[in-house]
C-alpha atoms as a PDB file:
ATOM      1  CA  MET A   1     -14.549  19.475 -10.254  1.00  0.00           C
ATOM      2  CA  ASN A   2     -11.842  17.553  -8.427  1.00  0.00           C
ATOM      3  CA  SER A   3      -9.362  19.407  -6.313  1.00  0.00           C
ATOM      4  CA  ILE A   4      -5.632  18.895  -6.604  1.00  0.00           C
ATOM      5  CA  ALA A   5      -5.654  17.149  -3.215  1.00  0.00           C
ATOM      6  CA  GLU A   6      -8.303  14.671  -4.384  1.00  0.00           C
ATOM      7  CA  ARG A   7      -6.356  13.896  -7.557  1.00  0.00           C
ATOM      8  CA  ALA A   8      -3.150  13.475  -5.564  1.00  0.00           C
ATOM      9  CA  LYS A   9      -4.896  11.067  -3.177  1.00  0.00           C
ATOM     10  CA  ARG A  10      -6.288   9.019  -6.086  1.00  0.00           C
ATOM     11  CA  THR A  11      -2.799   8.876  -7.577  1.00  0.00           C
ATOM     12  CA  ILE A  12      -1.335   7.599  -4.308  1.00  0.00           C
ATOM     13  CA  VAL A  13      -4.111   5.016  -3.960  1.00  0.00           C
ATOM     14  CA  HIS A  14      -3.476   3.768  -7.499  1.00  0.00           C
ATOM     15  CA  ARG A  15       0.301   3.631  -6.985  1.00  0.00           C
ATOM     16  CA  VAL A  16      -0.060   1.707  -3.705  1.00  0.00           C
ATOM     17  CA  LYS A  17      -2.457  -0.762  -5.324  1.00  0.00           C
ATOM     18  CA  ARG A  18      -0.163  -1.162  -8.339  1.00  0.00           C
ATOM     19  CA  THR A  19       2.770  -1.775  -5.984  1.00  0.00           C
ATOM     20  CA  ILE A  20       0.804  -4.410  -4.045  1.00  0.00           C
ATOM     21  CA  VAL A  21      -0.271  -6.173  -7.244  1.00  0.00           C
ATOM     22  CA  ARG A  22       3.292  -6.253  -8.569  1.00  0.00           C
ATOM     23  CA  SER A  23       4.892  -7.259  -5.255  1.00  0.00           C
ATOM     24  CA  LEU A  24       2.445 -10.074  -4.616  1.00  0.00           C
ATOM     25  CA  GLU A  25       2.442 -11.057  -8.301  1.00  0.00           C
ATOM     26  CA  LEU A  26      -1.344 -10.917  -8.397  1.00  0.00           C
ATOM     27  CA  GLU A  27      -3.036 -11.532 -11.704  1.00  0.00           C
ATOM     28  CA  ILE A  28      -5.495  -8.660 -11.382  1.00  0.00           C
ATOM     29  CA  ALA A  29      -5.534  -5.008 -12.330  1.00  0.00           C
ATOM     30  CA  PRO A  30      -4.720  -2.583  -9.490  1.00  0.00           C
ATOM     31  CA  GLU A  31      -8.168  -1.002  -9.731  1.00  0.00           C
ATOM     32  CA  GLU A  32      -9.711  -4.383  -8.942  1.00  0.00           C
ATOM     33  CA  LEU A  33      -8.302  -4.212  -5.403  1.00  0.00           C
ATOM     34  CA  ALA A  34     -10.889  -2.854  -2.998  1.00  0.00           C
ATOM     35  CA  ASP A  35      -9.723  -0.251  -0.494  1.00  0.00           C
ATOM     36  CA  ASP A  36     -10.877  -2.536   2.313  1.00  0.00           C
ATOM     37  CA  GLU A  37      -9.190  -5.632   0.827  1.00  0.00           C
ATOM     38  CA  VAL A  38      -7.531  -7.651   3.588  1.00  0.00           C
ATOM     39  CA  LEU A  39      -3.883  -8.397   2.868  1.00  0.00           C
ATOM     40  CA  PHE A  40      -3.364 -11.367   5.208  1.00  0.00           C
ATOM     41  CA  GLY A  41      -5.185 -14.651   5.727  1.00  0.00           C
ATOM     42  CA  SER A  42      -8.359 -15.059   3.747  1.00  0.00           C
ATOM     43  CA  GLY A  43      -7.765 -11.784   1.913  1.00  0.00           C
ATOM     44  CA  LEU A  44      -4.843 -11.607  -0.500  1.00  0.00           C
ATOM     45  CA  GLY A  45      -3.018 -14.250   1.511  1.00  0.00           C
ATOM     46  CA  ALA A  46       0.148 -12.224   2.097  1.00  0.00           C
ATOM     47  CA  ASP A  47       2.649 -13.786   4.472  1.00  0.00           C
ATOM     48  CA  SER A  48       5.594 -12.233   6.299  1.00  0.00           C
ATOM     49  CA  GLU A  49       7.928 -12.650   3.323  1.00  0.00           C
ATOM     50  CA  ALA A  50       5.420 -11.051   0.963  1.00  0.00           C
ATOM     51  CA  THR A  51       4.961  -8.240   3.473  1.00  0.00           C
ATOM     52  CA  LEU A  52       8.652  -7.415   3.326  1.00  0.00           C
ATOM     53  CA  GLU A  53       8.499  -7.401  -0.465  1.00  0.00           C
ATOM     54  CA  VAL A  54       5.591  -4.949  -0.336  1.00  0.00           C
ATOM     55  CA  VAL A  55       7.462  -2.751   2.153  1.00  0.00           C
ATOM     56  CA  PHE A  56      10.573  -2.657  -0.023  1.00  0.00           C
ATOM     57  CA  ALA A  57       8.512  -1.894  -3.122  1.00  0.00           C
ATOM     58  CA  LEU A  58       6.627   0.920  -1.347  1.00  0.00           C
ATOM     59  CA  GLU A  59       9.901   2.413  -0.127  1.00  0.00           C
ATOM     60  CA  THR A  60      11.228   2.376  -3.673  1.00  0.00           C
ATOM     61  CA  GLU A  61       8.018   3.641  -5.289  1.00  0.00           C
ATOM     62  CA  PHE A  62       7.486   6.548  -2.900  1.00  0.00           C
ATOM     63  CA  GLY A  63      10.995   7.313  -1.683  1.00  0.00           C
ATOM     64  CA  ILE A  64      10.005   6.652   1.914  1.00  0.00           C
ATOM     65  CA  GLU A  65      11.652   4.653   4.670  1.00  0.00           C
ATOM     66  CA  VAL A  66       9.623   2.243   6.755  1.00  0.00           C
ATOM     67  CA  GLU A  67      11.182   1.960  10.203  1.00  0.00           C
ATOM     68  CA  ASP A  68      11.308  -1.445  11.890  1.00  0.00           C
ATOM     69  CA  GLU A  69       9.166  -0.203  14.790  1.00  0.00           C
ATOM     70  CA  GLU A  70       6.450   0.806  12.291  1.00  0.00           C
ATOM     71  CA  LEU A  71       6.064  -2.753  11.009  1.00  0.00           C
ATOM     72  CA  ARG A  72       2.875  -3.681  12.833  1.00  0.00           C
ATOM     73  CA  VAL A  73       0.052  -5.958  11.766  1.00  0.00           C
ATOM     74  CA  GLU A  74      -2.354  -2.985  11.763  1.00  0.00           C
ATOM     75  CA  LEU A  75      -0.271  -1.288   9.078  1.00  0.00           C
ATOM     76  CA  PHE A  76      -0.936  -4.175   6.718  1.00  0.00           C
ATOM     77  CA  ALA A  77      -4.541  -4.838   7.721  1.00  0.00           C
ATOM     78  CA  THR A  78      -6.031  -3.503   4.487  1.00  0.00           C
ATOM     79  CA  VAL A  79      -5.102  -1.681   1.318  1.00  0.00           C
ATOM     80  CA  ARG A  80      -6.548   1.479   2.921  1.00  0.00           C
ATOM     81  CA  SER A  81      -4.311   1.183   5.982  1.00  0.00           C
ATOM     82  CA  LEU A  82      -1.258   1.012   3.721  1.00  0.00           C
ATOM     83  CA  VAL A  83      -2.464   3.998   1.683  1.00  0.00           C
ATOM     84  CA  ASP A  84      -3.011   6.002   4.867  1.00  0.00           C
ATOM     85  CA  TYR A  85       0.470   5.093   6.078  1.00  0.00           C
ATOM     86  CA  VAL A  86       2.119   6.097   2.789  1.00  0.00           C
ATOM     87  CA  GLU A  87       0.230   9.413   2.812  1.00  0.00           C
ATOM     88  CA  ARG A  88       1.478  10.146   6.347  1.00  0.00           C
ATOM     89  CA  LYS A  89       5.056   9.313   5.379  1.00  0.00           C
ATOM     90  CA  ILE A  90       4.871  11.557   2.305  1.00  0.00           C
ATOM     91  CA  ARG A  91       3.467  14.469   4.346  1.00  0.00           C
ATOM     92  CA  ALA A  92       6.211  14.010   6.961  1.00  0.00           C
ATOM     93  CA  ARG A  93       8.999  14.524   4.422  1.00  0.00           C
END
């Protein structure tokens, strides 16, 4: 049986993936994004403008605020790194 924490984590993962898909206007279902999917370069091909769109969408979706000093390449390395970041921001509220 799944714990509440596991269900909450899966919900966050799905919402982050859905937000990425919508922000980048990808023609795939959110569940098709692998957790280790690379967002830049040969991955999803996100550029700096797309990154800002993802940030804004995540702020809106989760009611979080991404500070300028937090905008590092490592944050956007993979879908998982974004999920981890969102989870930390939610816990810090």
